[in-house]
Amino acid sequence: MDDHYQPSWNSLRQHRTPQWLIDAKFGIYTHWGVYCVPARGPNATWYAYNMYREGTPQHAYHVQTYGGPEKFGYKDFIPQFTAEKFDPEAWAELFKLSGAQFAGPVGEHHDGFSMWDTQYNEWNAARRGPKRDVVGLLERAIRKAGLRFLVALHHAENWWFYPHWRQEFDTSDPRYAGLYGEPHDLAGVAPGAGFFDQQRPSRTFLDTWKAKVVEIIDHYHPDVLWFDFGLRGVPEQYRQDMLAYFYNQAVARGQEVAVTFKDYDLAPGTGVVDLELGRMDQLTYHEWITDTTVDDGEGWGYLQETGYKSATTLVHYLVDNVSKNGYLLLNVGPKPDGTFPAPAAELLQEMGRWLAMNGEAIYGTTPWTTFGEGPHQVRKTGAFNEKEVSFDARDVRFTVKGDTLYAILLGWPGNQVTIEALKNLYPAEVQSVRMLGTDQELNWSLGTGAAGAASGMTITLPAYAPCYHAYVIRIQRRHALTI
């Protein structure tokens, strides 16, 4: 069989975002690994990096609690990563209740511990810690629940994650190279140098990186492969070969797949760009996705002490993204025993309750000709900007499906609302105006301002809000418009 895609950007740009992802909008993924045992922030998933580096809060905690990294290395947490209450079917059911349409785990984080039964790394969840093929079990459970399957991969960052030059640490011991990476000397790197200014990865490391990705593709057939920023440290030909392999395997299986990437780690048009903890400030001509987390910070994995975002914040995040041609991938971090923190599980369920009533304004929609209106706008597009703005009843976002236009109010305005962006609708094209969650038809009018100019649509709202967080006005339009 001839390969449909060649390992070149010209060929790989032929790939299109699958329609199921365009319609799905919302997914869940889990940062669950050895780092959930110490569970100390600020970023739980970077505990293994910071515990070996003086001057960080996690190093101070490690010294106080475990006696220091020269006495207790990261590998020594693995026996405590027991997963005794891990129930993949219960996880999948929670993801489905959240309203997510795709879900999956981080297959391997920067720390080098693989969450699947891999032949390329003895330090994996099937042989140590949980002693279960976490990726495989979740793949079956998530597909059984009717969701698409995602695997996130961070393992390109493993090359520079540990201090191999510190002989007093276990990170320099070749016996643990499968976890910490092959020993190499980074001691001569200038202070403040970027990760990618350091010594380039070896051929052995790069071949293993690629082999792990191929193994995930061949064994678990993910619908989405999500890559972290370390991808940019992988030589271009490796990236092209990996991507062509994934896309060609999907063609052979009759599967529609997607790849996400950060910044310009892949050529534009070859996958879906991901904005970590961020979003676009305007309606875009291309699809994009945010990855953010339920905790109120950048914890990512389970933390012993953390706050959480509100359900309103998460609903607004999803609505704002979808109105701008974006999607939302939401992280939740399970505990070492395999259960979810109660506040995190409740947030997912509350997202699901909102989507059960209002999902028709999200799933299967496209952006309208304008994303919205209101005083609160994202000031600068890109990653790490999610805290720039919060919304209220003056903010409106739009989506559309066929002849139905949805105006989503990001707060409850009271008795009535006037939406300026609807001023150019013709009265004859408006067939009905309703609010999702209620049965009554709403009274409306198209007003005029000075000199007869249209000023917007004024809608009388129901006496009581039908839900929380955001409120969807459904405007049914006539396709055959007589003016």
Protein backbone atom coordinates (compact mmCIF):
# COMPACT_ATOMS: atom_id res chain seq x y z
CA MET A 1 0.00 0.00 0.00
CA ASP A 2 1.33 3.43 -0.94
CA ASP A 3 1.57 5.93 1.89
CA HIS A 4 -0.97 8.71 1.62
CA TYR A 5 1.26 11.16 3.49
CA GLN A 6 4.95 11.74 2.94
CA PRO A 7 7.26 13.01 5.72
CA SER A 8 7.30 16.59 4.44
CA TRP A 9 5.37 19.65 5.52
CA ASN A 10 3.94 20.06 2.03
CA SER A 11 2.40 16.61 2.20
CA LEU A 12 1.39 16.75 5.86
CA ARG A 13 -0.51 20.00 5.32
CA GLN A 14 -3.02 18.00 3.30
CA HIS A 15 -4.34 16.56 6.57
CA ARG A 16 -7.60 18.09 7.76
CA THR A 17 -8.93 18.47 11.29
CA PRO A 18 -11.45 15.63 11.69
CA GLN A 19 -15.09 16.60 11.70
CA TRP A 20 -15.70 14.75 14.96
CA LEU A 21 -13.23 17.08 16.74
CA ILE A 22 -14.71 20.17 15.09
CA ASP A 23 -18.08 19.07 16.49
CA ALA A 24 -16.85 17.78 19.87
CA LYS A 25 -15.33 21.01 21.25
CA PHE A 26 -14.63 19.68 24.77
CA GLY A 27 -12.26 17.04 26.14
CA ILE A 28 -10.74 15.86 29.43
CA TYR A 29 -7.24 14.63 30.15
CA THR A 30 -5.45 13.50 33.28
CA HIS A 31 -2.00 14.25 34.63
CA TRP A 32 -1.49 11.14 36.74
CA GLY A 33 1.95 9.81 37.51
CA VAL A 34 4.57 9.39 40.22
CA TYR A 35 4.45 13.15 40.90
CA CYS A 36 1.01 12.72 42.50
CA VAL A 37 2.68 11.04 45.51
CA PRO A 38 4.57 14.07 46.90
CA ALA A 39 1.78 16.26 45.46
CA ARG A 40 3.51 19.54 46.20
CA GLY A 41 3.42 22.63 44.01
CA PRO A 42 3.45 25.11 42.63
CA ASN A 43 3.43 22.72 39.63
CA ALA A 44 2.99 19.14 40.77
CA THR A 45 4.29 17.63 37.53
CA TRP A 46 7.61 19.48 37.94
CA TYR A 47 8.33 18.08 41.38
CA ALA A 48 10.95 15.71 39.95
CA TYR A 49 12.75 18.66 38.35
CA ASN A 50 12.66 20.99 41.35
CA MET A 51 13.38 18.48 44.13
CA TYR A 52 16.96 18.22 42.86
CA ARG A 53 17.46 22.00 42.61
CA GLU A 54 18.26 24.14 45.62
CA GLY A 55 16.24 27.30 46.09
CA THR A 56 12.90 25.89 44.96
CA PRO A 57 9.92 25.33 47.29
CA GLN A 58 9.80 21.68 46.29
CA HIS A 59 13.47 21.15 47.15
CA ALA A 60 12.93 22.72 50.57
CA TYR A 61 9.91 20.50 51.13
CA HIS A 62 11.84 17.43 50.00
CA VAL A 63 14.73 18.13 52.35
CA GLN A 64 12.37 18.69 55.28
CA THR A 65 10.18 15.67 54.54
CA TYR A 66 12.50 13.06 53.03
CA GLY A 67 15.98 14.18 54.05
CA GLY A 68 17.06 15.52 50.66
CA PRO A 69 17.41 14.08 47.14
CA GLU A 70 20.76 12.46 47.89
CA LYS A 71 18.94 10.24 50.41
CA PHE A 72 15.56 9.82 48.73
CA GLY A 73 15.42 10.08 44.94
CA TYR A 74 12.41 10.50 42.71
CA LYS A 75 12.43 6.75 41.92
CA ASP A 76 11.76 6.07 45.61
CA PHE A 77 8.25 7.52 45.30
CA ILE A 78 7.21 4.80 42.86
CA PRO A 79 6.26 2.13 45.43
CA GLN A 80 3.85 4.66 46.98
CA PHE A 81 2.11 5.16 43.62
CA THR A 82 -0.25 2.29 44.37
CA ALA A 83 -3.43 3.07 42.37
CA GLU A 84 -5.30 0.58 44.54
CA LYS A 85 -8.65 2.30 43.86
CA PHE A 86 -8.07 2.96 40.15
CA ASP A 87 -11.29 2.13 38.28
CA PRO A 88 -10.99 2.96 34.56
CA GLU A 89 -14.72 2.45 33.97
CA ALA A 90 -15.57 4.92 36.76
CA TRP A 91 -13.13 7.41 35.24
CA ALA A 92 -14.74 7.04 31.83
CA GLU A 93 -18.20 7.47 33.33
CA LEU A 94 -17.13 10.69 35.06
CA PHE A 95 -15.65 12.01 31.80
CA LYS A 96 -18.91 11.22 30.02
CA LEU A 97 -20.95 12.90 32.75
CA SER A 98 -18.80 16.02 32.30
CA GLY A 99 -20.04 16.38 28.73
CA ALA A 100 -16.58 15.75 27.31
CA GLN A 101 -16.49 14.08 23.90
CA PHE A 102 -12.89 12.85 24.07
CA ALA A 103 -10.61 11.95 26.94
CA GLY A 104 -7.40 10.23 27.92
CA PRO A 105 -4.24 10.20 30.02
CA VAL A 106 -0.79 11.69 29.89
CA GLY A 107 1.14 8.70 28.59
CA GLU A 108 4.50 9.93 29.85
CA HIS A 109 5.44 13.21 31.46
CA HIS A 110 8.87 14.85 31.65
CA ASP A 111 9.74 12.56 34.55
CA GLY A 112 10.32 9.48 32.34
CA PHE A 113 7.76 7.16 33.95
CA SER A 114 5.64 5.53 31.22
CA MET A 115 1.98 4.88 32.01
CA TRP A 116 1.66 1.98 29.56
CA ASP A 117 3.21 -1.45 29.10
CA THR A 118 6.16 -0.42 26.97
CA GLN A 119 9.07 -2.50 25.77
CA TYR A 120 11.28 0.59 25.69
CA ASN A 121 11.26 1.49 29.38
CA GLU A 122 11.28 -0.82 32.39
CA TRP A 123 10.13 2.16 34.50
CA ASN A 124 6.48 1.89 33.58
CA ALA A 125 3.12 1.51 35.29
CA ALA A 126 2.65 -2.08 34.12
CA ARG A 127 5.78 -3.26 35.95
CA ARG A 128 6.12 -0.82 38.85
CA GLY A 129 3.86 1.26 41.04
CA PRO A 130 0.30 0.52 39.88
CA LYS A 131 1.48 -2.59 38.00
CA ARG A 132 -1.30 -2.02 35.48
CA ASP A 133 -1.32 -0.82 31.87
CA VAL A 134 -3.05 2.47 32.65
CA VAL A 135 -3.15 3.72 29.05
CA GLY A 136 -4.54 0.40 27.78
CA LEU A 137 -7.20 0.13 30.49
CA LEU A 138 -8.35 3.71 29.91
CA GLU A 139 -8.38 3.25 26.15
CA ARG A 140 -10.86 0.39 26.46
CA ALA A 141 -13.02 2.08 29.09
CA ILE A 142 -13.16 5.44 27.32
CA ARG A 143 -14.08 3.91 23.98
CA LYS A 144 -16.71 1.73 25.68
CA ALA A 145 -18.24 4.92 27.10
CA GLY A 146 -18.61 6.25 23.55
CA LEU A 147 -15.82 8.84 23.73
CA ARG A 148 -12.80 9.36 21.51
CA PHE A 149 -9.40 8.55 22.98
CA LEU A 150 -6.50 10.96 23.56
CA VAL A 151 -2.93 10.35 24.70
CA ALA A 152 -0.69 13.24 25.77
CA LEU A 153 3.09 12.89 25.49
CA HIS A 154 5.73 15.04 27.19
CA HIS A 155 8.66 12.64 27.04
CA ALA A 156 10.83 14.75 24.71
CA GLU A 157 11.54 16.97 27.75
CA ASN A 158 13.12 14.10 29.69
CA TRP A 159 16.53 14.83 28.11
CA TRP A 160 17.11 17.98 30.17
CA PHE A 161 14.80 17.29 33.13
CA TYR A 162 17.29 15.77 35.59
CA PRO A 163 20.77 16.90 36.83
CA HIS A 164 22.94 14.07 35.56
CA TRP A 165 26.15 15.81 36.57
CA ARG A 166 25.37 15.66 40.30
CA GLN A 167 27.15 12.49 41.33
CA GLU A 168 25.54 12.44 44.78
CA PHE A 169 22.11 12.01 43.21
CA ASP A 170 20.59 8.86 41.74
CA THR A 171 19.99 10.80 38.51
CA SER A 172 23.63 10.16 37.54
CA ASP A 173 23.40 6.39 38.07
CA PRO A 174 23.20 4.48 34.73
CA ARG A 175 21.02 1.84 36.41
CA TYR A 176 18.16 4.32 36.40
CA ALA A 177 18.67 5.70 32.89
CA GLY A 178 15.26 4.40 31.78
CA LEU A 179 13.64 6.83 34.21
CA TYR A 180 16.10 9.71 34.39
CA GLY A 181 17.51 9.48 30.89
CA GLU A 182 20.99 8.50 29.83
CA PRO A 183 23.59 10.40 31.85
CA HIS A 184 25.02 13.42 30.06
CA ASP A 185 26.83 16.51 31.26
CA LEU A 186 24.84 19.74 31.33
CA ALA A 187 26.95 21.34 34.04
CA GLY A 188 28.67 23.66 31.61
CA VAL A 189 25.46 25.28 30.39
CA ALA A 190 25.41 29.02 31.04
CA PRO A 191 23.08 30.15 33.85
CA GLY A 192 19.73 31.23 32.49
CA ALA A 193 20.18 29.39 29.22
CA GLY A 194 17.03 28.00 27.69
CA PHE A 195 16.28 24.31 27.69
CA PHE A 196 17.03 24.10 23.98
CA ASP A 197 20.37 25.89 24.29
CA GLN A 198 21.67 22.80 26.05
CA GLN A 199 23.42 19.76 24.67
CA ARG A 200 21.41 18.19 21.86
CA PRO A 201 19.71 14.84 22.53
CA SER A 202 21.60 11.76 21.48
CA ARG A 203 20.57 9.49 18.63
CA THR A 204 19.66 6.79 21.16
CA PHE A 205 17.38 9.17 23.04
CA LEU A 206 15.69 10.36 19.85
CA ASP A 207 15.16 6.84 18.51
CA THR A 208 13.58 5.82 21.82
CA TRP A 209 11.39 8.95 21.77
CA LYS A 210 10.06 8.01 18.35
CA ALA A 211 9.71 4.32 19.21
CA LYS A 212 7.51 5.15 22.19
CA VAL A 213 5.22 7.30 20.03
CA VAL A 214 4.95 4.56 17.41
CA GLU A 215 4.21 2.02 20.14
CA ILE A 216 1.34 4.19 21.42
CA ILE A 217 -0.01 4.53 17.88
CA ASP A 218 0.22 0.82 17.11
CA HIS A 219 -1.13 -0.52 20.41
CA TYR A 220 -3.78 2.02 21.41
CA HIS A 221 -4.84 3.76 18.17
CA PRO A 222 -5.40 7.21 19.73
CA ASP A 223 -7.80 9.59 18.06
CA VAL A 224 -5.74 12.53 19.33
CA LEU A 225 -2.02 12.77 20.05
CA TRP A 226 -1.21 15.81 22.19
CA PHE A 227 2.40 17.01 22.37
CA ASP A 228 4.02 19.35 24.86
CA PHE A 229 6.63 21.99 24.06
CA GLY A 230 9.58 19.57 24.12
CA LEU A 231 8.62 18.58 20.60
CA ARG A 232 10.60 21.55 19.33
CA GLY A 233 13.79 19.95 20.65
CA VAL A 234 13.25 16.91 18.40
CA PRO A 235 14.93 17.19 14.96
CA GLU A 236 12.56 18.13 12.18
CA GLN A 237 12.86 14.85 10.29
CA TYR A 238 11.87 12.86 13.38
CA ARG A 239 8.79 15.04 13.77
CA GLN A 240 7.86 14.66 10.12
CA ASP A 241 8.41 10.89 10.15
CA MET A 242 6.30 10.49 13.31
CA LEU A 243 3.46 12.60 11.97
CA ALA A 244 3.40 10.87 8.59
CA TYR A 245 3.35 7.48 10.32
CA PHE A 246 0.42 8.46 12.54
CA TYR A 247 -1.61 9.90 9.69
CA ASN A 248 -0.88 6.96 7.37
CA GLN A 249 -1.81 4.42 10.01
CA ALA A 250 -5.07 6.26 10.55
CA VAL A 251 -5.82 6.18 6.82
CA ALA A 252 -5.16 2.43 6.79
CA ARG A 253 -7.60 1.93 9.68
CA GLY A 254 -10.22 4.32 8.31
CA GLN A 255 -9.72 6.49 11.41
CA GLU A 256 -9.96 10.29 11.62
CA VAL A 257 -7.22 11.59 13.91
CA ALA A 258 -5.75 14.85 15.13
CA VAL A 259 -2.42 16.04 16.51
CA THR A 260 -1.99 19.11 18.71
CA PHE A 261 1.21 21.11 19.11
CA LYS A 262 2.44 24.31 20.72
CA ASP A 263 3.85 27.46 19.15
CA TYR A 264 5.45 26.49 15.82
CA ASP A 265 6.68 23.05 16.83
CA LEU A 266 4.94 21.68 13.73
CA ALA A 267 4.36 23.57 10.50
CA PRO A 268 1.08 25.54 10.46
CA GLY A 269 -1.74 23.52 8.96
CA THR A 270 -0.33 20.10 9.88
CA GLY A 271 -2.19 19.87 13.19
CA VAL A 272 -4.20 21.87 15.73
CA VAL A 273 -2.32 24.53 17.66
CA ASP A 274 -2.58 24.34 21.46
CA LEU A 275 -2.49 27.32 23.83
CA GLU A 276 -1.47 26.36 27.34
CA LEU A 277 -3.55 28.26 29.92
CA GLY A 278 -4.54 30.71 27.20
CA ARG A 279 -6.92 31.67 24.43
CA MET A 280 -7.38 33.81 21.37
CA ASP A 281 -8.63 37.37 21.64
CA GLN A 282 -10.54 37.28 18.35
CA LEU A 283 -12.39 34.93 16.03
CA THR A 284 -9.77 32.95 14.11
CA TYR A 285 -9.59 31.42 10.65
CA HIS A 286 -8.12 28.19 12.01
CA GLU A 287 -9.05 25.75 14.76
CA TRP A 288 -7.17 25.87 18.04
CA ILE A 289 -7.44 24.35 21.50
CA THR A 290 -6.72 25.44 25.07
CA ASP A 291 -5.29 23.08 27.63
CA THR A 292 -6.02 24.25 31.14
CA THR A 293 -6.60 22.63 34.51
CA VAL A 294 -9.36 22.56 37.11
CA ASP A 295 -7.09 23.86 39.86
CA ASP A 296 -6.85 27.59 40.38
CA GLY A 297 -3.23 27.89 39.29
CA GLU A 298 -0.78 25.75 37.36
CA GLY A 299 -0.76 22.63 39.50
CA TRP A 300 -1.69 20.20 36.72
CA GLY A 301 -1.24 17.08 38.84
CA TYR A 302 -2.87 16.35 42.19
CA LEU A 303 -1.80 18.75 44.93
CA GLN A 304 -2.31 18.27 48.65
CA GLU A 305 -3.21 21.94 48.99
CA THR A 306 -4.82 23.86 46.15
CA GLY A 307 -7.82 25.94 45.21
CA TYR A 308 -10.02 25.25 42.22
CA LYS A 309 -11.52 27.28 39.44
CA SER A 310 -15.25 27.86 39.68
CA ALA A 311 -17.68 26.03 37.43
CA THR A 312 -18.72 29.42 36.07
CA THR A 313 -15.13 30.15 35.03
CA LEU A 314 -14.87 26.81 33.23
CA VAL A 315 -18.21 27.17 31.43
CA HIS A 316 -17.25 30.67 30.32
CA TYR A 317 -13.87 29.38 29.16
CA LEU A 318 -15.55 26.78 26.96
CA VAL A 319 -18.13 29.22 25.56
CA ASP A 320 -15.58 31.93 24.80
CA ASN A 321 -13.29 29.45 23.04
CA VAL A 322 -16.04 27.91 20.93
CA SER A 323 -17.28 31.35 19.84
CA LYS A 324 -13.76 32.05 18.49
CA ASN A 325 -13.28 28.74 16.64
CA GLY A 326 -11.52 27.07 19.55
CA TYR A 327 -11.92 24.02 21.77
CA LEU A 328 -11.19 23.23 25.41
CA LEU A 329 -9.10 20.41 26.89
CA LEU A 330 -9.51 20.35 30.67
CA ASN A 331 -7.07 18.60 33.00
CA VAL A 332 -7.87 16.89 36.28
CA GLY A 333 -5.23 15.31 38.52
CA PRO A 334 -6.13 12.06 40.35
CA LYS A 335 -4.68 11.02 43.72
CA PRO A 336 -2.07 8.24 44.10
CA ASP A 337 -4.82 5.73 44.90
CA GLY A 338 -6.60 6.46 41.61
CA THR A 339 -9.51 8.51 42.95
CA PHE A 340 -10.33 12.11 42.04
CA PRO A 341 -10.34 14.94 44.58
CA ALA A 342 -13.98 15.67 45.44
CA PRO A 343 -13.89 19.34 44.29
CA ALA A 344 -12.45 18.31 40.91
CA ALA A 345 -15.08 15.60 40.37
CA GLU A 346 -17.86 18.03 41.30
CA LEU A 347 -16.55 20.59 38.78
CA LEU A 348 -16.67 17.99 36.01
CA GLN A 349 -20.20 16.99 36.97
CA GLU A 350 -21.33 20.62 37.05
CA MET A 351 -19.88 21.16 33.58
CA GLY A 352 -21.94 18.16 32.51
CA ARG A 353 -25.12 19.52 34.06
CA TRP A 354 -24.73 22.78 32.15
CA LEU A 355 -23.96 21.00 28.88
CA ALA A 356 -26.90 18.62 29.32
CA MET A 357 -29.21 21.64 29.10
CA ASN A 358 -27.22 23.90 26.81
CA GLY A 359 -24.98 21.61 24.78
CA GLU A 360 -26.80 22.22 21.53
CA ALA A 361 -25.22 25.70 21.54
CA ILE A 362 -21.76 24.07 21.79
CA TYR A 363 -21.62 20.66 20.10
CA GLY A 364 -21.71 20.67 16.32
CA THR A 365 -21.77 24.44 16.08
CA THR A 366 -19.60 26.81 14.12
CA PRO A 367 -18.61 30.37 14.97
CA TRP A 368 -20.85 33.16 13.74
CA THR A 369 -19.63 36.20 11.79
CA THR A 370 -18.70 37.84 15.09
CA PHE A 371 -17.67 36.00 18.24
CA GLY A 372 -19.44 38.28 20.69
CA GLU A 373 -19.79 41.60 22.40
CA GLY A 374 -19.42 43.14 25.83
CA PRO A 375 -16.91 45.12 27.86
CA HIS A 376 -14.71 42.23 28.96
CA GLN A 377 -12.31 41.05 26.29
CA VAL A 378 -9.06 39.12 26.22
CA ARG A 379 -6.43 41.81 25.70
CA LYS A 380 -3.65 39.74 24.18
CA THR A 381 -3.94 36.48 22.32
CA GLY A 382 -1.87 33.40 23.15
CA ALA A 383 -0.78 31.14 25.98
CA PHE A 384 -0.79 31.96 29.70
CA ASN A 385 -3.41 34.69 29.49
CA GLU A 386 -6.41 32.96 31.04
CA LYS A 387 -6.47 35.21 34.10
CA GLU A 388 -6.65 38.42 32.08
CA VAL A 389 -10.42 38.60 32.03
CA SER A 390 -13.62 37.49 33.74
CA PHE A 391 -17.09 37.98 32.31
CA ASP A 392 -20.47 39.21 33.50
CA ALA A 393 -24.04 39.75 32.26
CA ARG A 394 -22.97 42.40 29.76
CA ASP A 395 -20.89 39.86 27.84
CA VAL A 396 -22.45 37.78 25.04
CA ARG A 397 -20.95 35.08 22.84
CA PHE A 398 -22.37 33.61 19.62
CA THR A 399 -22.43 30.23 17.90
CA VAL A 400 -24.51 28.99 14.99
CA LYS A 401 -25.87 25.69 13.69
CA GLY A 402 -27.77 25.70 10.42
CA ASP A 403 -30.48 28.37 10.64
CA THR A 404 -30.24 28.56 14.42
CA LEU A 405 -28.24 31.33 16.05
CA TYR A 406 -27.26 31.04 19.71
CA ALA A 407 -26.60 34.10 21.85
CA ILE A 408 -24.96 32.95 25.09
CA LEU A 409 -25.23 35.39 28.00
CA LEU A 410 -22.29 35.09 30.40
CA GLY A 411 -24.38 36.34 33.30
CA TRP A 412 -28.05 36.90 34.17
CA PRO A 413 -29.02 40.43 33.09
CA GLY A 414 -32.45 40.58 34.76
CA ASN A 415 -35.76 41.20 33.02
CA GLN A 416 -34.43 41.89 29.54
CA VAL A 417 -31.32 42.17 27.47
CA THR A 418 -30.40 44.19 24.38
CA ILE A 419 -27.88 42.56 22.06
CA GLU A 420 -26.30 45.04 19.71
CA ALA A 421 -24.74 42.49 17.34
CA LEU A 422 -28.25 41.33 16.35
CA LYS A 423 -29.23 44.76 15.05
CA ASN A 424 -28.77 43.71 11.41
CA LEU A 425 -31.27 40.88 11.58
CA TYR A 426 -34.45 41.46 9.58
CA PRO A 427 -37.70 41.02 11.55
CA ALA A 428 -38.97 38.71 8.81
CA GLU A 429 -36.10 36.28 9.26
CA VAL A 430 -36.69 35.73 12.98
CA GLN A 431 -39.03 32.79 13.37
CA SER A 432 -38.81 32.34 17.13
CA VAL A 433 -36.75 33.32 20.17
CA ARG A 434 -36.48 30.98 23.16
CA MET A 435 -34.15 30.27 26.03
CA LEU A 436 -32.75 26.75 26.39
CA GLY A 437 -34.15 25.11 29.50
CA THR A 438 -37.54 26.81 29.20
CA ASP A 439 -40.59 26.12 27.04
CA GLN A 440 -41.89 29.64 26.57
CA GLU A 441 -41.36 31.78 23.50
CA LEU A 442 -39.74 35.11 24.37
CA ASN A 443 -40.93 38.53 23.33
CA TRP A 444 -38.43 40.49 21.30
CA SER A 445 -38.09 43.63 19.23
CA LEU A 446 -35.53 45.19 16.90
CA GLY A 447 -34.98 48.72 18.10
CA THR A 448 -33.77 51.82 16.32
CA GLY A 449 -31.59 54.62 17.60
CA ALA A 450 -30.77 58.08 16.33
CA ALA A 451 -31.75 58.80 12.73
CA GLY A 452 -33.50 55.44 12.51
CA ALA A 453 -30.31 53.38 12.78
CA ALA A 454 -30.71 49.86 14.15
CA SER A 455 -29.62 49.60 17.78
CA GLY A 456 -30.03 45.91 18.56
CA MET A 457 -32.47 43.18 19.53
CA THR A 458 -34.18 43.59 22.89
CA ILE A 459 -35.41 40.34 24.41
CA THR A 460 -37.67 39.92 27.45
CA LEU A 461 -36.25 37.11 29.52
CA PRO A 462 -38.04 34.45 31.61
CA ALA A 463 -38.90 35.32 35.19
CA TYR A 464 -36.34 32.83 36.48
CA ALA A 465 -32.98 31.67 35.16
CA PRO A 466 -33.19 28.00 34.07
CA CYS A 467 -29.63 27.14 35.11
CA TYR A 468 -26.38 28.63 36.38
CA HIS A 469 -23.22 30.07 34.82
CA ALA A 470 -24.43 31.04 31.31
CA TYR A 471 -27.78 31.33 29.56
CA VAL A 472 -28.51 30.45 25.95
CA ILE A 473 -30.96 32.34 23.78
CA ARG A 474 -31.97 30.26 20.77
CA ILE A 475 -32.92 32.36 17.74
CA GLN A 476 -34.54 30.30 15.02
CA ARG A 477 -34.26 32.00 11.63
CA ARG A 478 -36.11 31.43 8.37
CA HIS A 479 -33.81 30.27 5.62
CA ALA A 480 -36.05 31.61 2.84
CA LEU A 481 -36.09 35.28 3.70
CA THR A 482 -38.59 37.58 2.01
CA ILE A 483 -37.61 41.21 2.36
